[in-house]
C-alpha atoms as a PDB file:
ATOM      1  CA  MET A   1     159.496 -59.358-201.189  1.00  0.00           C
ATOM      2  CA  LEU A   2     160.027 -56.328-198.933  1.00  0.00           C
ATOM      3  CA  ARG A   3     161.802 -57.572-195.877  1.00  0.00           C
ATOM      4  CA  TRP A   4     161.292 -56.280-192.396  1.00  0.00           C
ATOM      5  CA  ARG A   5     164.940 -55.266-192.135  1.00  0.00           C
ATOM      6  CA  ARG A   6     164.638 -52.919-195.163  1.00  0.00           C
ATOM      7  CA  PRO A   7     161.611 -50.668-194.623  1.00  0.00           C
ATOM      8  CA  LEU A   8     163.408 -47.476-195.696  1.00  0.00           C
ATOM      9  CA  PRO A   9     162.210 -47.428-199.348  1.00  0.00           C
ATOM     10  CA  ALA A  10     158.628 -47.925-198.201  1.00  0.00           C
ATOM     11  CA  LEU A  11     158.872 -45.209-195.544  1.00  0.00           C
ATOM     12  CA  ILE A  12     160.338 -42.584-197.870  1.00  0.00           C
ATOM     13  CA  GLY A  13     158.106 -43.626-200.748  1.00  0.00           C
ATOM     14  CA  LEU A  14     154.843 -43.493-198.819  1.00  0.00           C
ATOM     15  CA  PHE A  15     155.481 -40.280-196.918  1.00  0.00           C
ATOM     16  CA  ALA A  16     157.862 -38.168-199.000  1.00  0.00           C
ATOM     17  CA  VAL A  17     157.646 -39.294-202.622  1.00  0.00           C
ATOM     18  CA  SER A  18     153.851 -39.619-202.527  1.00  0.00           C
ATOM     19  CA  GLN A  19     153.569 -36.002-201.354  1.00  0.00           C
ATOM     20  CA  ILE A  20     155.923 -34.901-204.123  1.00  0.00           C
ATOM     21  CA  PHE A  21     153.818 -36.735-206.709  1.00  0.00           C
ATOM     22  CA  ASP A  22     150.658 -35.183-205.286  1.00  0.00           C
ATOM     23  CA  ASP A  23     152.119 -31.682-205.529  1.00  0.00           C
ATOM     24  CA  LEU A  24     153.331 -32.328-209.076  1.00  0.00           C
ATOM     25  CA  VAL A  25     149.890 -33.572-210.117  1.00  0.00           C
ATOM     26  CA  SER A  26     148.314 -30.452-208.607  1.00  0.00           C
ATOM     27  CA  LEU A  27     150.761 -28.188-210.430  1.00  0.00           C
ATOM     28  CA  SER A  28     150.257 -29.989-213.736  1.00  0.00           C
ATOM     29  CA  GLY A  29     146.494 -29.652-213.282  1.00  0.00           C
ATOM     30  CA  GLY A  30     146.766 -25.875-213.317  1.00  0.00           C
ATOM     31  CA  LYS A  31     146.427 -25.251-209.579  1.00  0.00           C
ATOM     32  CA  GLN A  32     148.466 -22.230-208.656  1.00  0.00           C
ATOM     33  CA  GLN A  33     150.512 -21.986-205.505  1.00  0.00           C
ATOM     34  CA  GLU A  34     148.816 -19.831-202.915  1.00  0.00           C
ATOM     35  CA  ALA A  35     150.428 -16.491-202.283  1.00  0.00           C
ATOM     36  CA  VAL A  36     152.439 -16.363-199.076  1.00  0.00           C
ATOM     37  CA  PRO A  37     152.497 -13.126-197.062  1.00  0.00           C
ATOM     38  CA  GLN A  38     155.813 -11.321-197.274  1.00  0.00           C
ATOM     39  CA  ASP A  39     155.713 -10.100-193.674  1.00  0.00           C
ATOM     40  CA  PHE A  40     157.035 -12.820-191.339  1.00  0.00           C
ATOM     41  CA  SER A  41     157.315 -10.643-188.235  1.00  0.00           C
ATOM     42  CA  THR A  42     154.419 -12.516-186.587  1.00  0.00           C
ATOM     43  CA  ALA A  43     155.819 -15.983-187.277  1.00  0.00           C
ATOM     44  CA  ARG A  44     156.614 -16.488-183.591  1.00  0.00           C
ATOM     45  CA  PRO A  45     153.579 -16.451-181.260  1.00  0.00           C
ATOM     46  CA  PRO A  46     153.788 -14.278-178.145  1.00  0.00           C
ATOM     47  CA  PHE A  47     154.841 -16.146-175.015  1.00  0.00           C
ATOM     48  CA  GLY A  48     151.954 -14.578-173.157  1.00  0.00           C
ATOM     49  CA  ILE A  49     149.509 -16.771-175.067  1.00  0.00           C
ATOM     50  CA  LEU A  50     151.394 -19.910-174.001  1.00  0.00           C
ATOM     51  CA  ALA A  51     151.607 -18.704-170.387  1.00  0.00           C
ATOM     52  CA  ARG A  52     147.865 -18.133-170.186  1.00  0.00           C
ATOM     53  CA  ALA A  53     147.172 -21.548-171.715  1.00  0.00           C
ATOM     54  CA  TRP A  54     149.190 -23.548-169.156  1.00  0.00           C
ATOM     55  CA  LYS A  55     146.131 -25.548-168.087  1.00  0.00           C
ATOM     56  CA  VAL A  56     145.435 -26.487-171.700  1.00  0.00           C
ATOM     57  CA  ILE A  57     149.073 -27.482-172.191  1.00  0.00           C
ATOM     58  CA  ALA A  58     149.058 -29.661-169.066  1.00  0.00           C
ATOM     59  CA  SER A  59     145.812 -31.458-169.891  1.00  0.00           C
ATOM     60  CA  SER A  60     146.757 -31.926-173.546  1.00  0.00           C
ATOM     61  CA  THR A  61     150.137 -33.367-172.556  1.00  0.00           C
ATOM     62  CA  ILE A  62     148.455 -35.989-170.371  1.00  0.00           C
ATOM     63  CA  ILE A  63     145.871 -36.849-173.021  1.00  0.00           C
ATOM     64  CA  GLY A  64     148.496 -37.109-175.761  1.00  0.00           C
ATOM     65  CA  THR A  65     150.770 -39.324-173.677  1.00  0.00           C
ATOM     66  CA  VAL A  66     147.957 -41.711-172.733  1.00  0.00           C
ATOM     67  CA  ILE A  67     146.633 -41.926-176.295  1.00  0.00           C
ATOM     68  CA  GLY A  68     150.160 -42.421-177.619  1.00  0.00           C
ATOM     69  CA  ALA A  69     150.679 -45.384-175.307  1.00  0.00           C
ATOM     70  CA  ILE A  70     147.746 -47.135-177.023  1.00  0.00           C
ATOM     71  CA  PRO A  71     149.120 -48.713-180.234  1.00  0.00           C
ATOM     72  CA  GLY A  72     147.302 -47.612-183.349  1.00  0.00           C
ATOM     73  CA  ALA A  73     145.310 -44.803-181.728  1.00  0.00           C
ATOM     74  CA  GLY A  74     147.099 -42.098-183.700  1.00  0.00           C
ATOM     75  CA  GLY A  75     147.593 -38.370-183.436  1.00  0.00           C
ATOM     76  CA  SER A  76     144.164 -37.547-184.835  1.00  0.00           C
ATOM     77  CA  ILE A  77     142.399 -39.047-181.827  1.00  0.00           C
ATOM     78  CA  ALA A  78     144.731 -37.271-179.399  1.00  0.00           C
ATOM     79  CA  SER A  79     144.263 -33.933-181.158  1.00  0.00           C
ATOM     80  CA  PHE A  80     140.473 -34.188-181.275  1.00  0.00           C
ATOM     81  CA  LEU A  81     140.212 -35.255-177.621  1.00  0.00           C
ATOM     82  CA  SER A  82     142.538 -32.473-176.470  1.00  0.00           C
ATOM     83  CA  TYR A  83     140.704 -29.904-178.578  1.00  0.00           C
ATOM     84  CA  ASP A  84     137.372 -30.979-177.113  1.00  0.00           C
ATOM     85  CA  GLN A  85     138.769 -30.924-173.568  1.00  0.00           C
ATOM     86  CA  ALA A  86     140.232 -27.449-174.089  1.00  0.00           C
ATOM     87  CA  ARG A  87     136.872 -26.205-175.342  1.00  0.00           C
ATOM     88  CA  ARG A  88     135.171 -27.640-172.271  1.00  0.00           C
ATOM     89  CA  MET A  89     137.707 -25.937-169.996  1.00  0.00           C
ATOM     90  CA  SER A  90     137.488 -22.583-171.770  1.00  0.00           C
ATOM     91  CA  LYS A  91     135.373 -19.729-170.459  1.00  0.00           C
ATOM     92  CA  SER A  92     134.476 -18.826-174.034  1.00  0.00           C
ATOM     93  CA  PRO A  93     133.983 -22.116-175.907  1.00  0.00           C
ATOM     94  CA  GLU A  94     132.053 -20.360-178.660  1.00  0.00           C
ATOM     95  CA  THR A  95     135.331 -18.808-179.898  1.00  0.00           C
ATOM     96  CA  PHE A  96     136.838 -22.189-180.756  1.00  0.00           C
ATOM     97  CA  GLY A  97     137.047 -22.634-184.489  1.00  0.00           C
ATOM     98  CA  LYS A  98     137.019 -18.857-184.949  1.00  0.00           C
ATOM     99  CA  GLY A  99     140.629 -18.032-184.133  1.00  0.00           C
ATOM    100  CA  ASN A 100     141.023 -18.980-180.466  1.00  0.00           C
ATOM    101  CA  PRO A 101     144.727 -19.875-180.065  1.00  0.00           C
ATOM    102  CA  GLU A 102     143.970 -22.359-177.276  1.00  0.00           C
ATOM    103  CA  GLY A 103     142.546 -24.743-179.863  1.00  0.00           C
ATOM    104  CA  VAL A 104     145.828 -24.744-181.759  1.00  0.00           C
ATOM    105  CA  VAL A 105     147.814 -25.096-178.529  1.00  0.00           C
ATOM    106  CA  ALA A 106     145.708 -28.067-177.420  1.00  0.00           C
ATOM    107  CA  SER A 107     145.918 -29.929-180.724  1.00  0.00           C
ATOM    108  CA  GLU A 108     149.638 -29.411-181.263  1.00  0.00           C
ATOM    109  CA  THR A 109     150.589 -30.149-177.650  1.00  0.00           C
ATOM    110  CA  SER A 110     148.730 -33.459-177.614  1.00  0.00           C
ATOM    111  CA  ASN A 111     150.087 -34.367-181.040  1.00  0.00           C
ATOM    112  CA  ASN A 112     153.666 -33.846-179.831  1.00  0.00           C
ATOM    113  CA  ALA A 113     153.076 -35.578-176.496  1.00  0.00           C
ATOM    114  CA  MET A 114     151.604 -38.568-178.298  1.00  0.00           C
ATOM    115  CA  VAL A 115     154.982 -39.355-179.881  1.00  0.00           C
ATOM    116  CA  GLY A 116     156.576 -39.638-176.440  1.00  0.00           C
ATOM    117  CA  GLY A 117     153.761 -41.871-175.222  1.00  0.00           C
ATOM    118  CA  ALA A 118     154.077 -44.050-178.314  1.00  0.00           C
ATOM    119  CA  LEU A 119     157.654 -44.846-177.293  1.00  0.00           C
ATOM    120  CA  ILE A 120     156.303 -46.899-174.382  1.00  0.00           C
ATOM    121  CA  PRO A 121     154.871 -49.816-176.415  1.00  0.00           C
ATOM    122  CA  MET A 122     157.628 -49.473-179.024  1.00  0.00           C
ATOM    123  CA  LEU A 123     160.504 -49.899-176.575  1.00  0.00           C
ATOM    124  CA  THR A 124     158.832 -52.349-174.184  1.00  0.00           C
ATOM    125  CA  LEU A 125     156.790 -54.531-176.553  1.00  0.00           C
ATOM    126  CA  GLY A 126     158.303 -53.848-179.957  1.00  0.00           C
ATOM    127  CA  VAL A 127     154.951 -52.489-181.171  1.00  0.00           C
ATOM    128  CA  PRO A 128     155.123 -49.003-182.727  1.00  0.00           C
ATOM    129  CA  GLY A 129     152.253 -46.849-181.560  1.00  0.00           C
ATOM    130  CA  GLU A 130     152.163 -44.516-184.556  1.00  0.00           C
ATOM    131  CA  VAL A 131     154.038 -43.336-187.616  1.00  0.00           C
ATOM    132  CA  ALA A 132     156.978 -41.559-185.943  1.00  0.00           C
ATOM    133  CA  THR A 133     157.792 -44.498-183.684  1.00  0.00           C
ATOM    134  CA  ALA A 134     157.323 -46.880-186.614  1.00  0.00           C
ATOM    135  CA  ILE A 135     159.980 -44.930-188.507  1.00  0.00           C
ATOM    136  CA  LEU A 136     162.203 -44.894-185.414  1.00  0.00           C
ATOM    137  CA  MET A 137     161.722 -48.620-184.967  1.00  0.00           C
ATOM    138  CA  GLY A 138     162.617 -49.158-188.606  1.00  0.00           C
ATOM    139  CA  GLY A 139     165.795 -47.127-188.119  1.00  0.00           C
ATOM    140  CA  LEU A 140     166.753 -49.102-185.016  1.00  0.00           C
ATOM    141  CA  THR A 141     166.127 -52.369-186.812  1.00  0.00           C
ATOM    142  CA  ILE A 142     168.313 -51.294-189.724  1.00  0.00           C
ATOM    143  CA  GLN A 143     171.093 -50.755-187.180  1.00  0.00           C
ATOM    144  CA  GLY A 144     170.578 -54.237-185.726  1.00  0.00           C
ATOM    145  CA  VAL A 145     168.677 -53.153-182.599  1.00  0.00           C
ATOM    146  CA  ARG A 146     165.479 -55.083-181.887  1.00  0.00           C
ATOM    147  CA  PRO A 147     163.058 -53.208-179.597  1.00  0.00           C
ATOM    148  CA  GLY A 148     161.120 -55.375-177.179  1.00  0.00           C
ATOM    149  CA  PRO A 149     161.105 -56.738-173.629  1.00  0.00           C
ATOM    150  CA  ALA A 150     164.705 -57.963-173.855  1.00  0.00           C
ATOM    151  CA  LEU A 151     166.006 -54.538-174.905  1.00  0.00           C
ATOM    152  CA  PHE A 152     166.135 -53.219-171.328  1.00  0.00           C
ATOM    153  CA  ASP A 153     168.101 -56.261-170.127  1.00  0.00           C
ATOM    154  CA  GLU A 154     170.456 -56.706-173.049  1.00  0.00           C
ATOM    155  CA  GLN A 155     171.053 -53.066-174.055  1.00  0.00           C
ATOM    156  CA  ALA A 156     170.031 -50.923-171.088  1.00  0.00           C
ATOM    157  CA  THR A 157     172.754 -48.387-171.912  1.00  0.00           C
ATOM    158  CA  LEU A 158     171.211 -47.836-175.340  1.00  0.00           C
ATOM    159  CA  VAL A 159     167.771 -47.258-173.816  1.00  0.00           C
ATOM    160  CA  TYR A 160     169.082 -44.581-171.466  1.00  0.00           C
ATOM    161  CA  ALA A 161     170.985 -43.043-174.370  1.00  0.00           C
ATOM    162  CA  ILE A 162     167.689 -42.807-176.280  1.00  0.00           C
ATOM    163  CA  PHE A 163     166.052 -41.064-173.307  1.00  0.00           C
ATOM    164  CA  VAL A 164     168.903 -38.573-172.939  1.00  0.00           C
ATOM    165  CA  SER A 165     169.031 -37.933-176.683  1.00  0.00           C
ATOM    166  CA  PHE A 166     165.314 -37.102-176.722  1.00  0.00           C
ATOM    167  CA  ILE A 167     165.762 -34.623-173.868  1.00  0.00           C
ATOM    168  CA  VAL A 168     168.722 -32.969-175.580  1.00  0.00           C
ATOM    169  CA  ALA A 169     166.922 -32.999-178.932  1.00  0.00           C
ATOM    170  CA  ASN A 170     163.872 -31.223-177.494  1.00  0.00           C
ATOM    171  CA  ILE A 171     166.008 -28.528-175.870  1.00  0.00           C
ATOM    172  CA  ALA A 172     168.052 -28.055-179.043  1.00  0.00           C
ATOM    173  CA  MET A 173     164.918 -28.002-181.206  1.00  0.00           C
ATOM    174  CA  PHE A 174     163.312 -25.360-178.996  1.00  0.00           C
ATOM    175  CA  LEU A 175     166.359 -23.080-179.160  1.00  0.00           C
ATOM    176  CA  LEU A 176     166.877 -23.652-182.867  1.00  0.00           C
ATOM    177  CA  GLN A 177     163.246 -22.952-183.745  1.00  0.00           C
ATOM    178  CA  LEU A 178     163.095 -19.973-181.422  1.00  0.00           C
ATOM    179  CA  LEU A 179     166.069 -18.322-183.064  1.00  0.00           C
ATOM    180  CA  GLY A 180     165.443 -19.338-186.653  1.00  0.00           C
ATOM    181  CA  ILE A 181     161.696 -19.508-187.160  1.00  0.00           C
ATOM    182  CA  ARG A 182     161.549 -16.180-188.987  1.00  0.00           C
ATOM    183  CA  ILE A 183     164.195 -17.476-191.380  1.00  0.00           C
ATOM    184  CA  PHE A 184     162.751 -20.980-191.791  1.00  0.00           C
ATOM    185  CA  VAL A 185     159.304 -19.768-192.843  1.00  0.00           C
ATOM    186  CA  ARG A 186     160.851 -17.921-195.785  1.00  0.00           C
ATOM    187  CA  ILE A 187     161.207 -21.278-197.528  1.00  0.00           C
ATOM    188  CA  LEU A 188     157.481 -20.933-198.203  1.00  0.00           C
ATOM    189  CA  LYS A 189     158.405 -18.295-200.769  1.00  0.00           C
ATOM    190  CA  VAL A 190     160.262 -20.913-202.869  1.00  0.00           C
ATOM    191  CA  PRO A 191     157.976 -22.117-205.712  1.00  0.00           C
ATOM    192  CA  LYS A 192     156.967 -25.754-205.501  1.00  0.00           C
ATOM    193  CA  HIS A 193     158.140 -26.538-209.008  1.00  0.00           C
ATOM    194  CA  MET A 194     161.675 -25.676-207.859  1.00  0.00           C
ATOM    195  CA  MET A 195     161.545 -27.318-204.455  1.00  0.00           C
ATOM    196  CA  MET A 196     160.019 -30.677-205.366  1.00  0.00           C
ATOM    197  CA  PRO A 197     162.871 -31.887-207.622  1.00  0.00           C
ATOM    198  CA  LEU A 198     165.396 -31.083-204.888  1.00  0.00           C
ATOM    199  CA  VAL A 199     163.419 -33.010-202.280  1.00  0.00           C
ATOM    200  CA  LEU A 200     163.046 -35.955-204.647  1.00  0.00           C
ATOM    201  CA  MET A 201     166.798 -35.939-205.295  1.00  0.00           C
ATOM    202  CA  PHE A 202     167.573 -36.071-201.572  1.00  0.00           C
ATOM    203  CA  CYS A 203     165.091 -38.933-201.139  1.00  0.00           C
ATOM    204  CA  ALA A 204     166.797 -40.937-203.874  1.00  0.00           C
ATOM    205  CA  ILE A 205     170.237 -40.273-202.401  1.00  0.00           C
ATOM    206  CA  GLY A 206     169.077 -41.397-198.970  1.00  0.00           C
ATOM    207  CA  VAL A 207     167.600 -44.670-200.227  1.00  0.00           C
ATOM    208  CA  PHE A 208     170.469 -45.516-202.577  1.00  0.00           C
ATOM    209  CA  GLY A 209     173.119 -44.596-200.005  1.00  0.00           C
ATOM    210  CA  VAL A 210     172.044 -47.260-197.493  1.00  0.00           C
ATOM    211  CA  ASN A 211     172.611 -50.405-199.568  1.00  0.00           C
ATOM    212  CA  GLY A 212     173.565 -49.089-203.009  1.00  0.00           C
ATOM    213  CA  SER A 213     170.603 -50.917-204.525  1.00  0.00           C
ATOM    214  CA  VAL A 214     168.899 -49.637-207.660  1.00  0.00           C
ATOM    215  CA  PHE A 215     166.006 -52.002-206.956  1.00  0.00           C
ATOM    216  CA  GLU A 216     165.264 -50.112-203.739  1.00  0.00           C
ATOM    217  CA  LEU A 217     165.040 -46.901-205.762  1.00  0.00           C
ATOM    218  CA  TRP A 218     162.355 -48.441-207.959  1.00  0.00           C
ATOM    219  CA  LEU A 219     160.702 -49.755-204.806  1.00  0.00           C
ATOM    220  CA  MET A 220     160.671 -46.244-203.366  1.00  0.00           C
ATOM    221  CA  PHE A 221     158.964 -44.875-206.505  1.00  0.00           C
ATOM    222  CA  ALA A 222     156.456 -47.759-206.475  1.00  0.00           C
ATOM    223  CA  PHE A 223     155.469 -46.997-202.903  1.00  0.00           C
ATOM    224  CA  GLY A 224     155.300 -43.324-203.816  1.00  0.00           C
ATOM    225  CA  VAL A 225     152.694 -44.096-206.485  1.00  0.00           C
ATOM    226  CA  LEU A 226     150.857 -46.329-204.003  1.00  0.00           C
ATOM    227  CA  GLY A 227     150.862 -43.541-201.410  1.00  0.00           C
ATOM    228  CA  LEU A 228     149.554 -41.079-203.997  1.00  0.00           C
ATOM    229  CA  PHE A 229     146.524 -43.267-204.751  1.00  0.00           C
ATOM    230  CA  LEU A 230     145.946 -44.017-201.052  1.00  0.00           C
ATOM    231  CA  ASN A 231     145.897 -40.308-200.209  1.00  0.00           C
ATOM    232  CA  ARG A 232     143.709 -39.432-203.186  1.00  0.00           C
ATOM    233  CA  PHE A 233     141.088 -42.029-202.236  1.00  0.00           C
ATOM    234  CA  GLY A 234     141.085 -41.194-198.533  1.00  0.00           C
ATOM    235  CA  PHE A 235     143.145 -44.108-197.190  1.00  0.00           C
ATOM    236  CA  GLY A 236     145.906 -43.590-194.636  1.00  0.00           C
ATOM    237  CA  THR A 237     149.500 -44.589-195.310  1.00  0.00           C
ATOM    238  CA  ALA A 238     150.290 -45.298-191.658  1.00  0.00           C
ATOM    239  CA  PRO A 239     148.534 -48.724-191.634  1.00  0.00           C
ATOM    240  CA  VAL A 240     150.671 -49.797-194.591  1.00  0.00           C
ATOM    241  CA  ILE A 241     153.854 -48.970-192.694  1.00  0.00           C
ATOM    242  CA  LEU A 242     152.624 -50.707-189.549  1.00  0.00           C
ATOM    243  CA  GLY A 243     151.715 -53.756-191.633  1.00  0.00           C
ATOM    244  CA  LEU A 244     155.152 -53.867-193.251  1.00  0.00           C
ATOM    245  CA  ILE A 245     156.903 -53.537-189.912  1.00  0.00           C
ATOM    246  CA  LEU A 246     154.682 -55.797-187.832  1.00  0.00           C
ATOM    247  CA  GLY A 247     153.695 -58.339-190.494  1.00  0.00           C
ATOM    248  CA  SER A 248     156.782 -60.524-190.451  1.00  0.00           C
ATOM    249  CA  LEU A 249     157.170 -60.071-186.684  1.00  0.00           C
ATOM    250  CA  THR A 250     153.596 -61.226-186.056  1.00  0.00           C
ATOM    251  CA  GLU A 251     153.915 -64.155-188.443  1.00  0.00           C
ATOM    252  CA  ARG A 252     157.172 -65.307-186.872  1.00  0.00           C
ATOM    253  CA  ASN A 253     155.808 -65.210-183.315  1.00  0.00           C
ATOM    254  CA  LEU A 254     152.536 -66.844-184.355  1.00  0.00           C
ATOM    255  CA  ARG A 255     154.471 -69.668-185.948  1.00  0.00           C
ATOM    256  CA  ARG A 256     156.605 -69.962-182.815  1.00  0.00           C
ATOM    257  CA  GLY A 257     153.519 -70.133-180.605  1.00  0.00           C
ATOM    258  CA  MET A 258     151.914 -72.785-182.775  1.00  0.00           C
ATOM    259  CA  ILE A 259     155.075 -74.893-182.533  1.00  0.00           C
ATOM    260  CA  VAL A 260     155.205 -74.555-178.744  1.00  0.00           C
ATOM    261  CA  TYR A 261     151.567 -75.661-178.333  1.00  0.00           C
ATOM    262  CA  ASP A 262     151.658 -78.369-181.039  1.00  0.00           C
ATOM    263  CA  GLY A 263     149.376 -76.456-183.401  1.00  0.00           C
ATOM    264  CA  ASP A 264     146.655 -75.869-180.794  1.00  0.00           C
ATOM    265  CA  TRP A 265     145.451 -72.370-181.639  1.00  0.00           C
ATOM    266  CA  THR A 266     142.872 -72.447-178.831  1.00  0.00           C
ATOM    267  CA  GLN A 267     145.675 -71.598-176.398  1.00  0.00           C
ATOM    268  CA  PHE A 268     145.482 -68.014-177.653  1.00  0.00           C
ATOM    269  CA  LEU A 269     141.845 -67.907-176.459  1.00  0.00           C
ATOM    270  CA  THR A 270     142.235 -69.656-173.118  1.00  0.00           C
ATOM    271  CA  ARG A 271     145.354 -68.023-171.697  1.00  0.00           C
ATOM    272  CA  PRO A 272     144.432 -64.821-169.757  1.00  0.00           C
ATOM    273  CA  LEU A 273     147.070 -62.493-171.190  1.00  0.00           C
ATOM    274  CA  SER A 274     146.562 -63.333-174.854  1.00  0.00           C
ATOM    275  CA  LEU A 275     142.773 -63.364-174.421  1.00  0.00           C
ATOM    276  CA  THR A 276     142.890 -59.903-172.826  1.00  0.00           C
ATOM    277  CA  PHE A 277     144.824 -58.467-175.760  1.00  0.00           C
ATOM    278  CA  LEU A 278     142.480 -60.104-178.259  1.00  0.00           C
ATOM    279  CA  VAL A 279     139.427 -58.705-176.495  1.00  0.00           C
ATOM    280  CA  LEU A 280     140.974 -55.230-176.350  1.00  0.00           C
ATOM    281  CA  SER A 281     141.788 -55.457-180.069  1.00  0.00           C
ATOM    282  CA  VAL A 282     138.195 -56.349-180.893  1.00  0.00           C
ATOM    283  CA  VAL A 283     136.885 -53.560-178.653  1.00  0.00           C
ATOM    284  CA  PHE A 284     139.119 -50.898-180.218  1.00  0.00           C
ATOM    285  CA  LEU A 285     138.306 -52.145-183.695  1.00  0.00           C
ATOM    286  CA  GLY A 286     134.601 -51.967-182.907  1.00  0.00           C
ATOM    287  CA  LEU A 287     134.993 -48.423-181.578  1.00  0.00           C
ATOM    288  CA  VAL A 288     136.698 -47.369-184.809  1.00  0.00           C
ATOM    289  CA  PHE A 289     133.889 -48.830-186.946  1.00  0.00           C
ATOM    290  CA  TRP A 290     131.274 -47.237-184.685  1.00  0.00           C
ATOM    291  CA  GLN A 291     132.988 -43.842-184.875  1.00  0.00           C
ATOM    292  CA  ASN A 292     133.330 -44.022-188.668  1.00  0.00           C
ATOM    293  CA  ARG A 293     129.688 -45.055-189.036  1.00  0.00           C
ATOM    294  CA  ASN A 294     128.483 -42.140-186.908  1.00  0.00           C
ATOM    295  CA  SER A 295     130.686 -39.639-188.738  1.00  0.00           C
ATOM    296  CA  ALA A 296     129.417 -40.926-192.099  1.00  0.00           C
ATOM    297  CA  THR A 297     125.764 -40.622-191.108  1.00  0.00           C
ATOM    298  CA  PRO A 298     124.393 -37.268-192.364  1.00  0.00           C
ATOM    299  CA  PRO A 299     122.578 -35.196-189.742  1.00  0.00           C
ATOM    300  CA  THR A 300     118.816 -35.195-189.997  1.00  0.00           C
ATOM    301  CA  THR A 301     116.880 -31.933-190.069  1.00  0.00           C
ATOM    302  CA  PRO A 302     113.324 -31.566-188.790  1.00  0.00           C
ATOM    303  CA  GLU A 303     110.690 -31.053-191.427  1.00  0.00           C
ATOM    304  CA  GLY A 304     108.559 -28.018-191.744  1.00  0.00           C
END
């Protein structure tokens, strides 16, 4: 059984190994790698575009942070909402989808801001909001740190260290990408059949180096195959990770609550706080089904 304290093989298998398998299947099927332009002089966008889109950046940051604070909402929702808001704010909305850079700025800004917002439920409640925070939570758990309400009381120094490290990391990432982006994009010239084995080797070293377990290597490959089929049939891998991380935690706290209330499960429906969360869960679940149903319904065209 995959334990909560060892999610690393599942994380690497579902996200990295599955992508490697997918690329290998595409290459073996005769699909050729698309030609990459040799001129990388335009790899860095002009700062004037970002300066003119400051309103889009501000609104997308707010939208991404709010959406990220809602567990399970995901970057797709934040990107679509920010894109739609940017189109509403634009003086030329008809150019969106035809090369308007504000659409890219809106989507990417909200997607990045969502990760910061997702830290709120992860650090305060122990509930990862999306994939990046789920991976971060898995890393903290491997190191013996349990995110949740008690984290700020028991390890406040660690929390502030996380905040400072994120600030430093963003500054360092900006400078590093600014200086090296024209060099980094040249990796696109490396053929996939040469790159994939190297990536797979590093994945295996990372998994085996944690506990020295060969079983975890096989587990990584098993989750890689699972991720390949999930991606091929249109299922997301993020819910699997959230289930692995939250499954044992939810079961343990449910069992604890049942013991406290002598097996009376109706307490979860009568207490205001738990009832509020249950109602919100049902509402969000209903919204997801409603959105999927509307997106799956083909548009009707008038006859004649």
